[in-house]
C-alpha atoms as a PDB file:
ATOM      1  CA  UNK A   1      -6.412 -10.731  10.005  1.00  0.00           C
ATOM      2  CA  UNK A   2      -8.288  -9.248  12.919  1.00  0.00           C
ATOM      3  CA  UNK A   3     -11.345 -11.502  13.350  1.00  0.00           C
ATOM      4  CA  UNK A   4     -13.110  -8.865  15.421  1.00  0.00           C
ATOM      5  CA  UNK A   5     -13.229  -6.458  12.490  1.00  0.00           C
ATOM      6  CA  UNK A   6     -16.911  -5.854  11.768  1.00  0.00           C
ATOM      7  CA  UNK A   7     -17.663  -4.244   8.467  1.00  0.00           C
ATOM      8  CA  UNK A   8     -20.736  -2.149   7.805  1.00  0.00           C
ATOM      9  CA  UNK A   9     -20.523  -1.194   4.122  1.00  0.00           C
ATOM     10  CA  UNK A  10     -23.151   0.739   2.236  1.00  0.00           C
ATOM     11  CA  UNK A  11     -24.215  -1.325  -0.818  1.00  0.00           C
ATOM     12  CA  UNK A  12     -26.582   1.070  -2.544  1.00  0.00           C
ATOM     13  CA  UNK A  13     -24.662   1.537  -5.805  1.00  0.00           C
ATOM     14  CA  UNK A  14     -24.355  -1.619  -7.927  1.00  0.00           C
ATOM     15  CA  UNK A  15     -22.837  -5.092  -7.875  1.00  0.00           C
ATOM     16  CA  UNK A  16     -21.176  -7.462 -10.354  1.00  0.00           C
ATOM     17  CA  UNK A  17     -19.590 -10.895 -10.534  1.00  0.00           C
ATOM     18  CA  UNK A  18     -15.870 -11.410 -11.083  1.00  0.00           C
ATOM     19  CA  UNK A  19     -14.395 -14.727 -12.242  1.00  0.00           C
ATOM     20  CA  UNK A  20     -11.312 -16.143 -10.518  1.00  0.00           C
ATOM     21  CA  UNK A  21      -8.632 -17.212 -12.993  1.00  0.00           C
ATOM     22  CA  UNK A  22      -5.390 -19.162 -12.510  1.00  0.00           C
ATOM     23  CA  UNK A  23      -2.314 -19.034 -14.699  1.00  0.00           C
ATOM     24  CA  UNK A  24       0.191 -21.845 -15.304  1.00  0.00           C
ATOM     25  CA  UNK A  25       2.274 -20.828 -12.292  1.00  0.00           C
ATOM     26  CA  UNK A  26      -0.755 -21.176 -10.018  1.00  0.00           C
ATOM     27  CA  UNK A  27      -1.268 -17.477  -9.375  1.00  0.00           C
ATOM     28  CA  UNK A  28      -4.942 -16.587  -8.928  1.00  0.00           C
ATOM     29  CA  UNK A  29      -6.432 -13.385 -10.296  1.00  0.00           C
ATOM     30  CA  UNK A  30      -9.826 -11.796 -10.025  1.00  0.00           C
ATOM     31  CA  UNK A  31     -10.919  -9.997 -13.151  1.00  0.00           C
ATOM     32  CA  UNK A  32     -13.173  -6.973 -13.305  1.00  0.00           C
ATOM     33  CA  UNK A  33     -15.362  -6.260 -16.309  1.00  0.00           C
ATOM     34  CA  UNK A  34     -13.971  -3.493 -18.534  1.00  0.00           C
ATOM     35  CA  UNK A  35     -17.126  -1.370 -18.189  1.00  0.00           C
ATOM     36  CA  UNK A  36     -16.986  -1.636 -14.389  1.00  0.00           C
ATOM     37  CA  UNK A  37     -13.276  -0.731 -14.339  1.00  0.00           C
ATOM     38  CA  UNK A  38     -13.942   2.249 -16.624  1.00  0.00           C
ATOM     39  CA  UNK A  39     -16.887   3.402 -14.515  1.00  0.00           C
ATOM     40  CA  UNK A  40     -14.776   3.188 -11.348  1.00  0.00           C
ATOM     41  CA  UNK A  41     -11.865   5.018 -13.060  1.00  0.00           C
ATOM     42  CA  UNK A  42      -9.475   2.104 -12.457  1.00  0.00           C
ATOM     43  CA  UNK A  43      -6.245   2.101 -14.448  1.00  0.00           C
ATOM     44  CA  UNK A  44      -3.969  -0.755 -15.437  1.00  0.00           C
ATOM     45  CA  UNK A  45      -1.272  -1.324 -12.809  1.00  0.00           C
ATOM     46  CA  UNK A  46      -3.165   0.606 -10.126  1.00  0.00           C
ATOM     47  CA  UNK A  47      -2.729  -0.893  -6.653  1.00  0.00           C
ATOM     48  CA  UNK A  48      -5.858  -1.654  -4.638  1.00  0.00           C
ATOM     49  CA  UNK A  49      -6.023  -2.450  -0.910  1.00  0.00           C
ATOM     50  CA  UNK A  50      -7.981  -5.664  -0.349  1.00  0.00           C
ATOM     51  CA  UNK A  51      -9.087  -7.381   2.836  1.00  0.00           C
ATOM     52  CA  UNK A  52     -10.695 -10.743   3.549  1.00  0.00           C
ATOM     53  CA  UNK A  53     -13.331 -10.699   6.282  1.00  0.00           C
ATOM     54  CA  UNK A  54     -16.667 -12.190   7.273  1.00  0.00           C
ATOM     55  CA  UNK A  55     -20.018 -10.455   7.170  1.00  0.00           C
ATOM     56  CA  UNK A  56     -22.365 -10.504  10.198  1.00  0.00           C
ATOM     57  CA  UNK A  57     -23.839 -13.798   8.921  1.00  0.00           C
ATOM     58  CA  UNK A  58     -20.388 -15.417   8.821  1.00  0.00           C
ATOM     59  CA  UNK A  59     -20.119 -15.430   5.010  1.00  0.00           C
ATOM     60  CA  UNK A  60     -16.649 -14.720   3.601  1.00  0.00           C
ATOM     61  CA  UNK A  61     -16.281 -11.366   1.860  1.00  0.00           C
ATOM     62  CA  UNK A  62     -13.517  -9.414   0.163  1.00  0.00           C
ATOM     63  CA  UNK A  63     -13.419  -5.658   0.644  1.00  0.00           C
ATOM     64  CA  UNK A  64     -11.393  -3.566  -1.797  1.00  0.00           C
ATOM     65  CA  UNK A  65     -10.513   0.087  -1.328  1.00  0.00           C
ATOM     66  CA  UNK A  66     -10.280   1.623  -4.792  1.00  0.00           C
ATOM     67  CA  UNK A  67      -8.214   4.650  -3.753  1.00  0.00           C
ATOM     68  CA  UNK A  68      -5.178   2.461  -2.934  1.00  0.00           C
ATOM     69  CA  UNK A  69      -5.044   3.566   0.688  1.00  0.00           C
ATOM     70  CA  UNK A  70      -5.122   1.003   3.539  1.00  0.00           C
ATOM     71  CA  UNK A  71      -7.655   0.994   6.348  1.00  0.00           C
ATOM     72  CA  UNK A  72      -7.109   3.591   9.039  1.00  0.00           C
ATOM     73  CA  UNK A  73      -4.035   2.879  11.223  1.00  0.00           C
ATOM     74  CA  UNK A  74      -2.838  -0.026   9.062  1.00  0.00           C
ATOM     75  CA  UNK A  75       0.219  -0.475   6.860  1.00  0.00           C
ATOM     76  CA  UNK A  76      -0.061  -2.709   3.785  1.00  0.00           C
ATOM     77  CA  UNK A  77       2.825  -4.976   2.746  1.00  0.00           C
ATOM     78  CA  UNK A  78       4.618  -3.948  -0.452  1.00  0.00           C
END
């Protein structure tokens, strides 16, 4: 991860909480409420591009692009 990546998102829509779940094999998943997924037009099996970063205050954040495309000039692993 590029630690110099500064993110300046626009948060004027809405927010929600998502629980982290683990299965028996130890895989972690983040769930999204059905109403949120419907409102964002997400479909089962759809791939999302996610990034871990830090906000200007140093707090960890996760950024998810809902269109399935990576950040500009970046290739996502398969």
